PDB file of N, CA and C in Angstrom:
ATOM      1  N   UNK A   1     -11.778 -49.439 -19.542  1.00  0.00           N
ATOM      2  CA  UNK A   1     -12.329 -48.081 -19.519  1.00  0.00           C
ATOM      3  C   UNK A   1     -13.625 -48.401 -19.306  1.00  0.00           C
ATOM      4  N   UNK A   2     -14.308 -47.858 -18.727  1.00  0.00           N
ATOM      5  CA  UNK A   2     -15.971 -47.959 -19.072  1.00  0.00           C
ATOM      6  C   UNK A   2     -15.597 -46.374 -20.788  1.00  0.00           C
ATOM      7  N   UNK A   3     -16.817 -46.717 -21.470  1.00  0.00           N
ATOM      8  CA  UNK A   3     -16.915 -46.174 -22.896  1.00  0.00           C
ATOM      9  C   UNK A   3     -17.412 -45.073 -22.269  1.00  0.00           C
ATOM     10  N   UNK A   4     -17.220 -43.942 -22.014  1.00  0.00           N
ATOM     11  CA  UNK A   4     -18.370 -42.593 -22.014  1.00  0.00           C
ATOM     12  C   UNK A   4     -19.117 -42.554 -23.307  1.00  0.00           C
ATOM     13  N   UNK A   5     -20.878 -42.367 -22.158  1.00  0.00           N
ATOM     14  CA  UNK A   5     -21.944 -42.321 -22.974  1.00  0.00           C
ATOM     15  C   UNK A   5     -21.939 -40.335 -23.624  1.00  0.00           C
ATOM     16  N   UNK A   6     -21.836 -40.464 -25.123  1.00  0.00           N
ATOM     17  CA  UNK A   6     -22.849 -39.854 -25.609  1.00  0.00           C
ATOM     18  C   UNK A   6     -23.892 -39.432 -26.304  1.00  0.00           C
ATOM     19  N   UNK A   7     -24.614 -38.884 -26.697  1.00  0.00           N
ATOM     20  CA  UNK A   7     -25.247 -38.073 -27.589  1.00  0.00           C
ATOM     21  C   UNK A   7     -25.676 -37.676 -29.145  1.00  0.00           C
ATOM     22  N   UNK A   8     -26.448 -37.030 -29.912  1.00  0.00           N
ATOM     23  CA  UNK A   8     -25.758 -36.756 -30.919  1.00  0.00           C
ATOM     24  C   UNK A   8     -27.071 -36.095 -30.665  1.00  0.00           C
ATOM     25  N   UNK A   9     -26.506 -34.630 -31.236  1.00  0.00           N
ATOM     26  CA  UNK A   9     -27.189 -33.218 -31.250  1.00  0.00           C
ATOM     27  C   UNK A   9     -27.561 -32.604 -31.728  1.00  0.00           C
ATOM     28  N   UNK A  10     -29.680 -32.692 -32.958  1.00  0.00           N
ATOM     29  CA  UNK A  10     -29.335 -32.529 -34.448  1.00  0.00           C
ATOM     30  C   UNK A  10     -29.951 -31.051 -34.348  1.00  0.00           C
ATOM     31  N   UNK A  11     -29.279 -29.649 -35.226  1.00  0.00           N
ATOM     32  CA  UNK A  11     -30.401 -27.841 -34.351  1.00  0.00           C
ATOM     33  C   UNK A  11     -31.252 -28.614 -35.984  1.00  0.00           C
ATOM     34  N   UNK A  12     -33.303 -28.028 -35.169  1.00  0.00           N
ATOM     35  CA  UNK A  12     -34.087 -28.268 -35.988  1.00  0.00           C
ATOM     36  C   UNK A  12     -34.250 -26.906 -36.405  1.00  0.00           C
ATOM     37  N   UNK A  13     -34.050 -25.979 -36.064  1.00  0.00           N
ATOM     38  CA  UNK A  13     -34.165 -24.407 -35.938  1.00  0.00           C
ATOM     39  C   UNK A  13     -33.747 -23.622 -35.597  1.00  0.00           C
ATOM     40  N   UNK A  14     -34.144 -21.884 -36.848  1.00  0.00           N
ATOM     41  CA  UNK A  14     -33.155 -21.161 -36.479  1.00  0.00           C
ATOM     42  C   UNK A  14     -33.024 -21.085 -35.990  1.00  0.00           C
ATOM     43  N   UNK A  15     -32.091 -19.651 -35.156  1.00  0.00           N
ATOM     44  CA  UNK A  15     -31.977 -19.022 -34.191  1.00  0.00           C
ATOM     45  C   UNK A  15     -32.183 -17.721 -34.476  1.00  0.00           C
ATOM     46  N   UNK A  16     -32.590 -17.241 -35.502  1.00  0.00           N
ATOM     47  CA  UNK A  16     -33.143 -15.902 -35.963  1.00  0.00           C
ATOM     48  C   UNK A  16     -34.320 -15.395 -35.354  1.00  0.00           C
ATOM     49  N   UNK A  17     -34.309 -13.942 -35.065  1.00  0.00           N
ATOM     50  CA  UNK A  17     -35.452 -13.034 -34.152  1.00  0.00           C
ATOM     51  C   UNK A  17     -35.367 -14.455 -32.482  1.00  0.00           C
ATOM     52  N   UNK A  18     -34.199 -15.035 -32.243  1.00  0.00           N
ATOM     53  CA  UNK A  18     -34.785 -15.707 -31.078  1.00  0.00           C
ATOM     54  C   UNK A  18     -33.699 -14.333 -29.644  1.00  0.00           C
ATOM     55  N   UNK A  19     -33.667 -14.727 -28.327  1.00  0.00           N
ATOM     56  CA  UNK A  19     -33.409 -14.350 -27.404  1.00  0.00           C
ATOM     57  C   UNK A  19     -31.788 -14.799 -27.639  1.00  0.00           C
ATOM     58  N   UNK A  20     -31.106 -13.548 -27.310  1.00  0.00           N
ATOM     59  CA  UNK A  20     -29.665 -14.121 -27.952  1.00  0.00           C
ATOM     60  C   UNK A  20     -28.769 -15.175 -26.764  1.00  0.00           C
ATOM     61  N   UNK A  21     -29.879 -15.434 -25.877  1.00  0.00           N
ATOM     62  CA  UNK A  21     -29.311 -16.489 -24.197  1.00  0.00           C
ATOM     63  C   UNK A  21     -29.348 -17.957 -24.939  1.00  0.00           C
ATOM     64  N   UNK A  22     -30.497 -17.784 -25.807  1.00  0.00           N
ATOM     65  CA  UNK A  22     -31.053 -19.085 -26.687  1.00  0.00           C
ATOM     66  C   UNK A  22     -29.474 -19.036 -28.163  1.00  0.00           C
ATOM     67  N   UNK A  23     -29.494 -18.540 -28.708  1.00  0.00           N
ATOM     68  CA  UNK A  23     -28.167 -18.077 -29.897  1.00  0.00           C
ATOM     69  C   UNK A  23     -26.724 -18.758 -28.880  1.00  0.00           C
ATOM     70  N   UNK A  24     -26.646 -17.997 -27.512  1.00  0.00           N
ATOM     71  CA  UNK A  24     -25.395 -18.427 -26.854  1.00  0.00           C
ATOM     72  C   UNK A  24     -25.473 -19.869 -26.586  1.00  0.00           C
ATOM     73  N   UNK A  25     -26.587 -20.619 -25.452  1.00  0.00           N
ATOM     74  CA  UNK A  25     -26.805 -21.987 -26.178  1.00  0.00           C
ATOM     75  C   UNK A  25     -26.531 -22.759 -26.799  1.00  0.00           C
ATOM     76  N   UNK A  26     -27.091 -22.121 -28.000  1.00  0.00           N
ATOM     77  CA  UNK A  26     -27.066 -23.464 -29.257  1.00  0.00           C
ATOM     78  C   UNK A  26     -25.533 -22.939 -30.059  1.00  0.00           C
ATOM     79  N   UNK A  27     -24.579 -22.222 -30.213  1.00  0.00           N
ATOM     80  CA  UNK A  27     -23.262 -21.750 -30.222  1.00  0.00           C
ATOM     81  C   UNK A  27     -22.280 -22.560 -29.197  1.00  0.00           C
ATOM     82  N   UNK A  28     -22.897 -23.130 -27.609  1.00  0.00           N
ATOM     83  CA  UNK A  28     -22.745 -23.450 -27.074  1.00  0.00           C
ATOM     84  C   UNK A  28     -22.359 -24.642 -27.609  1.00  0.00           C
ATOM     85  N   UNK A  29     -23.368 -25.565 -27.792  1.00  0.00           N
ATOM     86  CA  UNK A  29     -23.368 -26.852 -27.905  1.00  0.00           C
ATOM     87  C   UNK A  29     -22.584 -27.238 -29.176  1.00  0.00           C
ATOM     88  N   UNK A  30     -22.041 -26.154 -29.909  1.00  0.00           N
ATOM     89  CA  UNK A  30     -21.380 -26.765 -31.196  1.00  0.00           C
ATOM     90  C   UNK A  30     -22.301 -26.116 -32.750  1.00  0.00           C
ATOM     91  N   UNK A  31     -23.626 -25.728 -31.943  1.00  0.00           N
ATOM     92  CA  UNK A  31     -24.257 -25.961 -32.662  1.00  0.00           C
ATOM     93  C   UNK A  31     -24.379 -24.546 -34.154  1.00  0.00           C
ATOM     94  N   UNK A  32     -24.572 -24.154 -35.065  1.00  0.00           N
ATOM     95  CA  UNK A  32     -24.931 -23.205 -35.566  1.00  0.00           C
ATOM     96  C   UNK A  32     -25.533 -22.870 -37.062  1.00  0.00           C
ATOM     97  N   UNK A  33     -25.279 -23.758 -37.788  1.00  0.00           N
ATOM     98  CA  UNK A  33     -26.717 -23.413 -39.031  1.00  0.00           C
ATOM     99  C   UNK A  33     -27.890 -25.165 -38.596  1.00  0.00           C
ATOM    100  N   UNK A  34     -28.557 -24.738 -39.359  1.00  0.00           N
ATOM    101  CA  UNK A  34     -29.574 -25.450 -39.372  1.00  0.00           C
ATOM    102  C   UNK A  34     -29.273 -27.454 -40.251  1.00  0.00           C
ATOM    103  N   UNK A  35     -30.063 -27.582 -38.874  1.00  0.00           N
ATOM    104  CA  UNK A  35     -29.969 -29.380 -39.458  1.00  0.00           C
ATOM    105  C   UNK A  35     -28.301 -29.651 -39.530  1.00  0.00           C
ATOM    106  N   UNK A  36     -27.582 -29.100 -38.637  1.00  0.00           N
ATOM    107  CA  UNK A  36     -26.588 -29.436 -37.937  1.00  0.00           C
ATOM    108  C   UNK A  36     -26.456 -31.309 -37.532  1.00  0.00           C
ATOM    109  N   UNK A  37     -25.294 -31.483 -37.221  1.00  0.00           N
ATOM    110  CA  UNK A  37     -25.587 -32.657 -35.983  1.00  0.00           C
ATOM    111  C   UNK A  37     -24.184 -32.614 -35.614  1.00  0.00           C
ATOM    112  N   UNK A  38     -24.104 -32.970 -33.725  1.00  0.00           N
ATOM    113  CA  UNK A  38     -23.539 -32.606 -32.703  1.00  0.00           C
ATOM    114  C   UNK A  38     -22.781 -33.905 -31.986  1.00  0.00           C
ATOM    115  N   UNK A  39     -21.630 -34.970 -32.349  1.00  0.00           N
ATOM    116  CA  UNK A  39     -21.398 -35.738 -31.362  1.00  0.00           C
ATOM    117  C   UNK A  39     -20.649 -35.444 -29.344  1.00  0.00           C
ATOM    118  N   UNK A  40     -21.961 -35.198 -29.299  1.00  0.00           N
ATOM    119  CA  UNK A  40     -21.770 -34.200 -27.013  1.00  0.00           C
ATOM    120  C   UNK A  40     -21.463 -35.385 -25.611  1.00  0.00           C
ATOM    121  N   UNK A  41     -21.014 -35.670 -24.949  1.00  0.00           N
ATOM    122  CA  UNK A  41     -20.583 -36.051 -24.243  1.00  0.00           C
ATOM    123  C   UNK A  41     -21.957 -35.717 -23.337  1.00  0.00           C
ATOM    124  N   UNK A  42     -22.550 -37.149 -23.072  1.00  0.00           N
ATOM    125  CA  UNK A  42     -23.751 -37.162 -21.889  1.00  0.00           C
ATOM    126  C   UNK A  42     -23.697 -36.812 -20.553  1.00  0.00           C
ATOM    127  N   UNK A  43     -23.602 -35.688 -20.269  1.00  0.00           N
ATOM    128  CA  UNK A  43     -23.375 -35.145 -18.890  1.00  0.00           C
ATOM    129  C   UNK A  43     -24.183 -33.958 -18.650  1.00  0.00           C
ATOM    130  N   UNK A  44     -25.303 -33.980 -17.879  1.00  0.00           N
ATOM    131  CA  UNK A  44     -26.116 -33.038 -17.212  1.00  0.00           C
ATOM    132  C   UNK A  44     -25.954 -31.607 -17.708  1.00  0.00           C
ATOM    133  N   UNK A  45     -24.841 -30.711 -18.197  1.00  0.00           N
ATOM    134  CA  UNK A  45     -24.559 -29.903 -18.081  1.00  0.00           C
ATOM    135  C   UNK A  45     -24.482 -29.581 -19.537  1.00  0.00           C
ATOM    136  N   UNK A  46     -24.660 -30.878 -20.406  1.00  0.00           N
ATOM    137  CA  UNK A  46     -24.935 -30.618 -21.898  1.00  0.00           C
ATOM    138  C   UNK A  46     -26.177 -31.148 -21.508  1.00  0.00           C
ATOM    139  N   UNK A  47     -27.166 -31.986 -21.162  1.00  0.00           N
ATOM    140  CA  UNK A  47     -28.009 -32.228 -20.394  1.00  0.00           C
ATOM    141  C   UNK A  47     -29.470 -30.660 -20.432  1.00  0.00           C
ATOM    142  N   UNK A  48     -29.115 -29.996 -19.935  1.00  0.00           N
ATOM    143  CA  UNK A  48     -29.454 -28.426 -19.022  1.00  0.00           C
ATOM    144  C   UNK A  48     -29.534 -28.053 -20.634  1.00  0.00           C
ATOM    145  N   UNK A  49     -28.078 -27.546 -21.175  1.00  0.00           N
ATOM    146  CA  UNK A  49     -28.832 -27.181 -21.504  1.00  0.00           C
ATOM    147  C   UNK A  49     -29.070 -27.332 -22.895  1.00  0.00           C
ATOM    148  N   UNK A  50     -29.854 -28.668 -23.879  1.00  0.00           N
ATOM    149  CA  UNK A  50     -30.950 -28.764 -24.436  1.00  0.00           C
ATOM    150  C   UNK A  50     -31.520 -28.433 -24.343  1.00  0.00           C
ATOM    151  N   UNK A  51     -31.871 -29.067 -23.023  1.00  0.00           N
ATOM    152  CA  UNK A  51     -33.620 -28.639 -22.038  1.00  0.00           C
ATOM    153  C   UNK A  51     -33.922 -27.584 -22.309  1.00  0.00           C
ATOM    154  N   UNK A  52     -32.641 -26.500 -22.049  1.00  0.00           N
ATOM    155  CA  UNK A  52     -33.064 -24.997 -22.467  1.00  0.00           C
ATOM    156  C   UNK A  52     -33.587 -24.905 -23.841  1.00  0.00           C
ATOM    157  N   UNK A  53     -33.794 -25.395 -24.938  1.00  0.00           N
ATOM    158  CA  UNK A  53     -33.566 -24.386 -25.800  1.00  0.00           C
ATOM    159  C   UNK A  53     -34.302 -25.862 -27.005  1.00  0.00           C
ATOM    160  N   UNK A  54     -35.542 -27.089 -25.706  1.00  0.00           N
ATOM    161  CA  UNK A  54     -36.244 -27.590 -27.492  1.00  0.00           C
ATOM    162  C   UNK A  54     -37.122 -27.850 -28.501  1.00  0.00           C
ATOM    163  N   UNK A  55     -37.039 -26.570 -28.723  1.00  0.00           N
ATOM    164  CA  UNK A  55     -37.360 -25.464 -30.047  1.00  0.00           C
ATOM    165  C   UNK A  55     -36.860 -25.069 -31.089  1.00  0.00           C
ATOM    166  N   UNK A  56     -35.053 -25.760 -30.400  1.00  0.00           N
ATOM    167  CA  UNK A  56     -34.315 -25.618 -31.387  1.00  0.00           C
ATOM    168  C   UNK A  56     -33.765 -26.540 -32.087  1.00  0.00           C
ATOM    169  N   UNK A  57     -33.271 -27.966 -30.845  1.00  0.00           N
ATOM    170  CA  UNK A  57     -32.504 -29.076 -31.343  1.00  0.00           C
ATOM    171  C   UNK A  57     -33.690 -29.859 -30.404  1.00  0.00           C
ATOM    172  N   UNK A  58     -33.117 -30.951 -31.111  1.00  0.00           N
ATOM    173  CA  UNK A  58     -33.758 -32.780 -30.813  1.00  0.00           C
ATOM    174  C   UNK A  58     -32.586 -33.205 -30.341  1.00  0.00           C
ATOM    175  N   UNK A  59     -32.181 -34.051 -29.785  1.00  0.00           N
ATOM    176  CA  UNK A  59     -31.439 -35.536 -29.791  1.00  0.00           C
ATOM    177  C   UNK A  59     -31.978 -36.767 -30.909  1.00  0.00           C
ATOM    178  N   UNK A  60     -31.204 -37.190 -30.896  1.00  0.00           N
ATOM    179  CA  UNK A  60     -31.380 -38.261 -32.831  1.00  0.00           C
ATOM    180  C   UNK A  60     -30.739 -39.049 -32.049  1.00  0.00           C
ATOM    181  N   UNK A  61     -30.208 -39.234 -31.228  1.00  0.00           N
ATOM    182  CA  UNK A  61     -29.619 -41.099 -30.836  1.00  0.00           C
ATOM    183  C   UNK A  61     -28.213 -40.693 -29.604  1.00  0.00           C
ATOM    184  N   UNK A  62     -29.054 -41.587 -28.896  1.00  0.00           N
ATOM    185  CA  UNK A  62     -27.967 -42.187 -27.362  1.00  0.00           C
ATOM    186  C   UNK A  62     -27.172 -43.291 -27.194  1.00  0.00           C
ATOM    187  N   UNK A  63     -25.480 -42.664 -27.585  1.00  0.00           N
ATOM    188  CA  UNK A  63     -24.477 -43.914 -27.725  1.00  0.00           C
ATOM    189  C   UNK A  63     -23.967 -44.265 -26.349  1.00  0.00           C
ATOM    190  N   UNK A  64     -23.683 -45.625 -25.565  1.00  0.00           N
ATOM    191  CA  UNK A  64     -22.924 -45.603 -24.709  1.00  0.00           C
ATOM    192  C   UNK A  64     -22.850 -46.669 -24.583  1.00  0.00           C
TER     193      UNK A  64
END
């Protein structure tokens, strides 16, 4: 069975004074505090969310 590809995403920006849509995207990624990291499945939906808020998150590692 093939191993699923994952990416490790880190929050680098604060959602304070950001539009509600950007805050909701951060929550959807499972991030809500500065410097938190999450390992997420590498899907087009997750990539789209990360690309929507590149000023708030960064991809620190790609596994798979």
